[in-house]
């Protein structure tokens, strides 16, 4: 409620005043006094990775932009990262309303939204997928299958590599020989590692990878082109396998009941800032990738390449493994038709 100041007017003063001008002013003041102020929309949020890691920094920059643009209208309050809610528990937490917003890889909850596998297998980036309608279809799947709104796909355009402590073995045909390698697994690439590479998988969250590398529990891991030094994994991982595979699938999801409760102005701000951040984060992280590759080279990290034919097959089989997993999961819920739909949306034939 706003403060209202109405001057005290003595009766003898009225003949000196223009009441035609005074009355409208009083009406406007009283109307403003009676009008309730718009309530501030607040959203609680968590992020999948530690605060010091590059991807969390990008999300926190999105939060900062929203809080500046939405001052007095909408505010995001960050509760923390995996120390607040475990990495793999966060998607269910936002679904159940324990927290309003989560920044996480789509692969972390692909068991609930199988269409997520189309994101990591995509040949597009976030801004392109938004323009083409792919993100709108993905949002519909999120609402239908999990009760969350998919706000956007930020930090896109960054690929994955396999990183090794010791020089990986390449056979006479130029293929990777993974025999005997203890490989850290993760939901985003397990289907590829197990079904195609036939690798020995040890499932660990990324927050436990440093200790696993230090103790020799794992010899290698999949990870993105950036962020290795944030986690200090470059202390152990000295070889990067080319070519890259997959693409980052980091997005923001919001509990759909919370989303529906927001004012239209709050929704507009969250969406507008997301669209801007999808583009700016992609540009920023691609530039960071070039700088980090140069720095890793200075630190002694070497690149090892597969043969040309093996390299082409490697990237294709990674994508095929994800599509097959998506197909199996969608078949179980009677939605097999969505496989071709999402494959065409996120990896359109040129």
Protein backbone atom coordinates (compact mmCIF):
# COMPACT_ATOMS: atom_id res chain seq x y z
CA UNK A 1 0.00 0.00 0.00
CA UNK A 2 1.41 3.41 -0.93
CA UNK A 3 1.70 6.37 1.45
CA UNK A 4 -0.94 9.02 0.92
CA UNK A 5 -0.58 12.68 1.79
CA UNK A 6 -3.77 14.76 1.77
CA UNK A 7 -3.27 18.35 2.89
CA UNK A 8 -5.46 19.70 5.65
CA UNK A 9 -7.68 22.47 4.26
CA UNK A 10 -9.50 24.86 6.54
CA UNK A 11 -13.11 25.75 5.59
CA UNK A 12 -12.29 29.44 5.03
CA UNK A 13 -9.70 28.41 2.38
CA UNK A 14 -12.18 26.78 0.00
CA UNK A 15 -13.31 30.05 -1.62
CA UNK A 16 -9.69 30.68 -2.66
CA UNK A 17 -9.35 27.28 -4.37
CA UNK A 18 -10.47 25.91 -7.72
CA UNK A 19 -12.49 22.88 -6.63
CA UNK A 20 -12.76 21.67 -10.22
CA UNK A 21 -9.00 21.10 -10.16
CA UNK A 22 -8.84 19.82 -6.59
CA UNK A 23 -11.47 17.07 -6.92
CA UNK A 24 -9.78 15.05 -9.74
CA UNK A 25 -6.46 15.20 -7.90
CA UNK A 26 -8.07 13.83 -4.75
CA UNK A 27 -9.75 11.04 -6.69
CA UNK A 28 -6.43 10.01 -8.29
CA UNK A 29 -4.69 10.05 -4.89
CA UNK A 30 -7.41 7.95 -3.29
CA UNK A 31 -7.34 5.48 -6.18
CA UNK A 32 -3.58 5.08 -5.85
CA UNK A 33 -3.95 4.60 -2.09
CA UNK A 34 -6.55 1.87 -2.59
CA UNK A 35 -4.61 0.02 -5.33
CA UNK A 36 -2.55 -2.92 -3.94
CA UNK A 37 1.14 -3.04 -4.89
CA UNK A 38 2.17 -5.94 -7.16
CA UNK A 39 3.58 -8.78 -5.10
CA UNK A 40 7.18 -9.76 -5.77
CA UNK A 41 7.47 -13.19 -7.39
CA UNK A 42 10.34 -15.17 -5.85
CA UNK A 43 11.81 -18.46 -7.03
CA UNK A 44 14.20 -20.69 -5.13
CA UNK A 45 16.91 -22.32 -7.25
CA UNK A 46 19.77 -24.82 -7.16
CA UNK A 47 22.43 -25.74 -9.71
CA UNK A 48 23.96 -29.12 -10.54
CA UNK A 49 27.65 -28.25 -10.23
CA UNK A 50 29.81 -26.50 -7.61
CA UNK A 51 29.66 -22.72 -7.61
CA UNK A 52 33.26 -22.33 -8.79
CA UNK A 53 32.72 -24.39 -11.96
CA UNK A 54 32.23 -22.58 -15.26
CA UNK A 55 28.71 -23.83 -15.92
CA UNK A 56 27.45 -22.75 -12.51
CA UNK A 57 29.02 -19.34 -13.08
CA UNK A 58 27.00 -19.04 -16.29
CA UNK A 59 23.77 -19.91 -14.49
CA UNK A 60 24.54 -17.43 -11.71
CA UNK A 61 25.08 -14.78 -14.38
CA UNK A 62 21.60 -15.58 -15.73
CA UNK A 63 20.24 -15.19 -12.20
CA UNK A 64 21.99 -11.83 -11.84
CA UNK A 65 20.52 -10.59 -15.13
CA UNK A 66 17.00 -11.66 -14.11
CA UNK A 67 17.27 -10.00 -10.71
CA UNK A 68 18.44 -6.75 -12.29
CA UNK A 69 15.82 -6.75 -15.06
CA UNK A 70 13.08 -7.92 -12.71
CA UNK A 71 13.79 -5.67 -9.73
CA UNK A 72 10.58 -5.32 -7.75
CA UNK A 73 8.81 -7.86 -10.00
CA UNK A 74 10.63 -11.21 -9.90
CA UNK A 75 13.65 -12.47 -7.98
CA UNK A 76 15.60 -15.75 -8.06
CA UNK A 77 17.11 -16.81 -4.74
CA UNK A 78 19.85 -19.42 -5.16
CA UNK A 79 20.09 -22.00 -2.39
CA UNK A 80 23.34 -23.50 -3.67
CA UNK A 81 24.60 -26.40 -5.74
CA UNK A 82 24.99 -30.13 -5.09
CA UNK A 83 25.86 -29.41 -1.46
CA UNK A 84 22.26 -28.16 -1.01
CA UNK A 85 20.53 -30.93 -3.00
CA UNK A 86 22.42 -33.80 -4.62
CA UNK A 87 23.08 -33.60 -8.38
CA UNK A 88 20.83 -36.47 -9.33
CA UNK A 89 18.13 -35.59 -6.77
CA UNK A 90 17.65 -32.05 -8.08
CA UNK A 91 15.29 -32.91 -11.00
CA UNK A 92 12.88 -34.74 -8.70
CA UNK A 93 13.16 -31.91 -6.19
CA UNK A 94 11.89 -29.36 -8.72
CA UNK A 95 9.21 -31.76 -9.93
CA UNK A 96 7.95 -32.20 -6.36
CA UNK A 97 8.14 -28.49 -5.51
CA UNK A 98 10.98 -28.81 -2.98
CA UNK A 99 12.71 -26.13 -5.03
CA UNK A 100 11.24 -23.93 -7.78
CA UNK A 101 14.05 -23.91 -10.35
CA UNK A 102 16.96 -26.17 -11.28
CA UNK A 103 19.88 -25.70 -13.68
CA UNK A 104 21.00 -29.16 -14.77
CA UNK A 105 21.85 -31.39 -17.73
CA UNK A 106 18.75 -32.78 -19.41
CA UNK A 107 20.42 -36.22 -19.34
CA UNK A 108 20.20 -36.29 -15.53
CA UNK A 109 16.45 -36.89 -15.76
CA UNK A 110 16.13 -38.54 -19.19
CA UNK A 111 14.56 -41.53 -17.46
CA UNK A 112 11.53 -39.29 -16.86
CA UNK A 113 11.77 -37.25 -20.08
CA UNK A 114 13.33 -39.59 -22.68
CA UNK A 115 13.32 -36.80 -25.29
CA UNK A 116 16.30 -35.32 -23.39
CA UNK A 117 18.57 -37.70 -25.33
CA UNK A 118 17.77 -35.71 -28.46
CA UNK A 119 19.39 -32.63 -26.89
CA UNK A 120 22.80 -34.13 -26.15
CA UNK A 121 22.72 -35.78 -29.60
CA UNK A 122 21.71 -32.58 -31.34
CA UNK A 123 23.46 -30.98 -34.30
CA UNK A 124 21.91 -27.63 -33.31
CA UNK A 125 22.66 -25.06 -30.63
CA UNK A 126 20.23 -23.44 -28.20
CA UNK A 127 19.30 -20.30 -30.19
CA UNK A 128 18.80 -22.31 -33.39
CA UNK A 129 16.67 -24.90 -31.59
CA UNK A 130 14.50 -22.12 -30.18
CA UNK A 131 13.93 -20.54 -33.59
CA UNK A 132 13.13 -23.89 -35.21
CA UNK A 133 10.51 -24.85 -32.63
CA UNK A 134 12.55 -27.71 -31.17
CA UNK A 135 12.61 -26.14 -27.70
CA UNK A 136 8.85 -25.58 -27.76
CA UNK A 137 8.35 -29.31 -28.44
CA UNK A 138 10.83 -30.16 -25.68
CA UNK A 139 8.94 -27.93 -23.26
CA UNK A 140 5.68 -29.71 -24.08
CA UNK A 141 7.34 -33.06 -23.33
CA UNK A 142 8.64 -31.75 -20.00
CA UNK A 143 5.22 -30.52 -18.92
CA UNK A 144 3.49 -33.72 -20.02
CA UNK A 145 5.97 -36.21 -18.59
CA UNK A 146 7.41 -34.50 -15.52
CA UNK A 147 5.31 -31.50 -14.56
CA UNK A 148 8.08 -28.97 -15.16
CA UNK A 149 8.51 -26.11 -17.60
CA UNK A 150 11.65 -26.13 -19.75
CA UNK A 151 12.71 -22.50 -19.73
CA UNK A 152 15.72 -22.72 -22.01
CA UNK A 153 18.89 -24.41 -23.24
CA UNK A 154 21.87 -22.28 -22.23
CA UNK A 155 25.61 -22.92 -22.56
CA UNK A 156 25.12 -24.86 -25.79
CA UNK A 157 27.63 -25.46 -28.56
CA UNK A 158 30.25 -27.12 -26.34
CA UNK A 159 31.19 -30.71 -27.17
CA UNK A 160 32.38 -33.69 -25.12
CA UNK A 161 35.68 -35.56 -25.23
CA UNK A 162 37.11 -38.59 -23.52
CA UNK A 163 39.98 -37.62 -21.21
CA UNK A 164 42.64 -40.13 -20.05
CA UNK A 165 45.33 -40.36 -17.40
CA UNK A 166 47.54 -42.45 -19.71
CA UNK A 167 47.81 -42.32 -23.49
CA UNK A 168 44.81 -44.17 -24.94
CA UNK A 169 45.49 -47.18 -27.15
CA UNK A 170 44.58 -46.91 -30.83
CA UNK A 171 44.46 -50.20 -32.77
CA UNK A 172 45.74 -50.89 -36.29
CA UNK A 173 42.42 -49.77 -37.79
CA UNK A 174 42.51 -46.43 -35.98
CA UNK A 175 39.85 -47.42 -33.42
CA UNK A 176 39.98 -46.85 -29.68
CA UNK A 177 41.00 -49.89 -27.64
CA UNK A 178 39.26 -49.40 -24.31
CA UNK A 179 40.09 -52.82 -22.82
CA UNK A 180 41.20 -52.59 -19.21
CA UNK A 181 40.37 -48.90 -18.84
CA UNK A 182 38.31 -47.96 -15.78
CA UNK A 183 35.99 -45.32 -17.20
CA UNK A 184 33.84 -42.97 -15.14
CA UNK A 185 30.25 -43.23 -16.25
CA UNK A 186 27.50 -40.62 -16.36
CA UNK A 187 23.87 -40.65 -17.57
CA UNK A 188 24.66 -38.55 -20.63
CA UNK A 189 27.09 -40.99 -22.21
CA UNK A 190 26.62 -44.37 -20.51
CA UNK A 191 24.66 -45.84 -23.41
CA UNK A 192 27.50 -44.99 -25.78
CA UNK A 193 30.24 -46.21 -23.43
CA UNK A 194 28.59 -49.53 -22.65
CA UNK A 195 26.74 -50.44 -25.85
CA UNK A 196 29.29 -49.32 -28.41
CA UNK A 197 32.65 -49.09 -26.64
CA UNK A 198 31.90 -52.06 -24.34
CA UNK A 199 33.71 -50.18 -21.61
CA UNK A 200 34.01 -50.98 -17.92
CA UNK A 201 31.85 -48.27 -16.34
CA UNK A 202 32.11 -46.89 -12.82
CA UNK A 203 29.21 -44.51 -12.17
CA UNK A 204 30.23 -41.47 -10.15
CA UNK A 205 28.90 -37.91 -9.93
CA UNK A 206 31.33 -35.33 -11.25
CA UNK A 207 31.81 -33.97 -7.72
CA UNK A 208 33.50 -37.26 -6.75
CA UNK A 209 35.68 -37.60 -9.85
CA UNK A 210 38.73 -35.80 -8.43
CA UNK A 211 39.06 -38.27 -5.57
CA UNK A 212 38.41 -41.21 -7.90
CA UNK A 213 41.17 -40.06 -10.25
CA UNK A 214 43.53 -39.42 -7.36
CA UNK A 215 42.98 -42.89 -5.89
CA UNK A 216 43.07 -44.69 -9.22
CA UNK A 217 39.43 -45.76 -8.98
CA UNK A 218 39.02 -44.48 -12.55
CA UNK A 219 41.53 -43.97 -15.37
CA UNK A 220 39.43 -41.88 -17.71
CA UNK A 221 36.22 -39.90 -17.97
CA UNK A 222 33.99 -38.18 -20.42
CA UNK A 223 33.81 -34.41 -19.98
CA UNK A 224 33.19 -31.27 -21.94
CA UNK A 225 35.73 -29.17 -23.82
CA UNK A 226 35.83 -26.68 -20.94
CA UNK A 227 35.88 -26.85 -17.16
CA UNK A 228 38.61 -29.45 -16.67
CA UNK A 229 40.79 -26.95 -14.83
CA UNK A 230 37.89 -25.69 -12.69
CA UNK A 231 37.68 -29.18 -11.21
CA UNK A 232 41.49 -29.57 -11.11
CA UNK A 233 41.18 -32.78 -13.12
CA UNK A 234 44.03 -31.65 -15.36
CA UNK A 235 46.32 -32.69 -12.49
CA UNK A 236 45.59 -36.30 -13.53
CA UNK A 237 44.13 -36.25 -17.04
CA UNK A 238 46.89 -35.69 -19.57
CA UNK A 239 45.35 -36.93 -22.83
CA UNK A 240 42.28 -35.77 -24.78
CA UNK A 241 40.79 -38.10 -27.37
CA UNK A 242 39.61 -36.59 -30.64
CA UNK A 243 37.05 -36.35 -32.16
CA UNK A 244 34.49 -34.78 -29.85
CA UNK A 245 31.04 -36.31 -29.41
CA UNK A 246 27.67 -35.14 -28.07
CA UNK A 247 26.91 -31.56 -27.05
CA UNK A 248 26.17 -29.92 -23.73
CA UNK A 249 22.51 -30.19 -22.72
CA UNK A 250 22.36 -27.73 -19.83
CA UNK A 251 19.01 -26.13 -19.22
CA UNK A 252 16.73 -24.52 -16.65
CA UNK A 253 13.55 -26.24 -15.52
CA UNK A 254 10.83 -24.77 -13.30
CA UNK A 255 8.06 -26.52 -11.39
CA UNK A 256 5.01 -26.05 -13.61
CA UNK A 257 2.71 -25.10 -10.73
CA UNK A 258 5.18 -22.41 -9.71
CA UNK A 259 5.44 -21.23 -13.32
CA UNK A 260 1.66 -20.95 -13.63
CA UNK A 261 1.50 -18.91 -10.41
CA UNK A 262 3.88 -16.23 -11.72
CA UNK A 263 2.63 -12.94 -13.09
CA UNK A 264 2.75 -12.48 -16.85
CA UNK A 265 5.38 -9.79 -16.37
CA UNK A 266 7.58 -12.17 -14.37
CA UNK A 267 7.28 -14.85 -17.05
CA UNK A 268 8.15 -12.31 -19.72
CA UNK A 269 11.32 -11.25 -17.88
CA UNK A 270 12.46 -14.83 -17.23
CA UNK A 271 11.95 -15.75 -20.88
CA UNK A 272 13.44 -12.60 -22.37
CA UNK A 273 16.59 -12.86 -20.27
CA UNK A 274 16.88 -16.57 -21.08
CA UNK A 275 16.72 -15.94 -24.83
CA UNK A 276 19.47 -13.35 -24.50
CA UNK A 277 21.58 -15.61 -22.29
CA UNK A 278 21.24 -18.58 -24.63
CA UNK A 279 23.05 -16.55 -27.27
CA UNK A 280 25.58 -14.77 -25.06
CA UNK A 281 26.59 -17.86 -23.07
CA UNK A 282 27.17 -19.85 -26.25
CA UNK A 283 29.46 -17.14 -27.60
CA UNK A 284 31.31 -16.69 -24.30
CA UNK A 285 31.92 -20.40 -23.74
CA UNK A 286 33.17 -21.00 -27.27
CA UNK A 287 35.73 -18.26 -26.74
CA UNK A 288 36.62 -19.80 -23.38
CA UNK A 289 37.11 -23.19 -25.05
CA UNK A 290 39.86 -21.78 -27.27
CA UNK A 291 41.62 -20.20 -24.31
CA UNK A 292 41.37 -23.35 -22.19
CA UNK A 293 42.67 -25.62 -24.95
CA UNK A 294 45.71 -23.35 -25.25
CA UNK A 295 46.26 -23.38 -21.50
CA UNK A 296 45.84 -27.17 -21.25
CA UNK A 297 48.46 -27.58 -23.95
CA UNK A 298 50.84 -25.44 -21.88
CA UNK A 299 50.14 -27.71 -18.92
CA UNK A 300 51.15 -30.77 -20.91
CA UNK A 301 47.76 -32.14 -22.00
CA UNK A 302 48.12 -33.84 -25.38
CA UNK A 303 45.59 -34.65 -28.09
CA UNK A 304 45.30 -38.19 -29.49
CA UNK A 305 43.24 -38.72 -32.64
CA UNK A 306 41.42 -41.72 -33.99
CA UNK A 307 41.85 -42.66 -37.64
CA UNK A 308 39.65 -40.72 -40.09
CA UNK A 309 37.13 -43.53 -40.69
CA UNK A 310 37.10 -44.52 -37.02
CA UNK A 311 36.59 -40.88 -35.99
CA UNK A 312 33.53 -40.47 -38.22
CA UNK A 313 32.02 -43.69 -36.90
CA UNK A 314 32.83 -42.73 -33.31
CA UNK A 315 30.71 -39.58 -33.38
CA UNK A 316 27.88 -41.29 -35.30
CA UNK A 317 27.73 -44.24 -32.92
CA UNK A 318 27.58 -41.92 -29.90
CA UNK A 319 24.49 -40.30 -31.39
CA UNK A 320 22.96 -43.63 -32.40
CA UNK A 321 23.41 -45.03 -28.88
CA UNK A 322 21.45 -42.13 -27.42
CA UNK A 323 18.68 -42.48 -29.99
CA UNK A 324 18.39 -46.19 -29.25
CA UNK A 325 18.10 -45.50 -25.52
CA UNK A 326 15.45 -42.84 -26.24
CA UNK A 327 13.60 -45.32 -28.46
CA UNK A 328 13.57 -47.98 -25.73
CA UNK A 329 12.37 -45.59 -23.06
CA UNK A 330 9.63 -44.07 -25.22
CA UNK A 331 8.44 -47.51 -26.31
CA UNK A 332 7.85 -48.43 -22.68
CA UNK A 333 5.42 -45.53 -22.30
CA UNK A 334 3.77 -46.00 -25.67
CA UNK A 335 5.31 -42.96 -27.33
CA UNK A 336 7.49 -44.52 -30.03
CA UNK A 337 6.35 -41.98 -32.61
CA UNK A 338 8.22 -39.26 -30.71
CA UNK A 339 11.59 -40.78 -31.64
CA UNK A 340 11.52 -39.65 -35.27
CA UNK A 341 9.87 -36.37 -34.32
CA UNK A 342 12.62 -35.35 -31.90
CA UNK A 343 15.41 -36.75 -34.01
CA UNK A 344 14.24 -34.57 -36.90
CA UNK A 345 13.80 -31.55 -34.65
CA UNK A 346 17.22 -31.67 -33.01
CA UNK A 347 19.29 -33.25 -35.79
CA UNK A 348 17.59 -32.20 -39.02
CA UNK A 349 18.95 -33.64 -42.24
CA UNK A 350 20.66 -30.89 -44.21
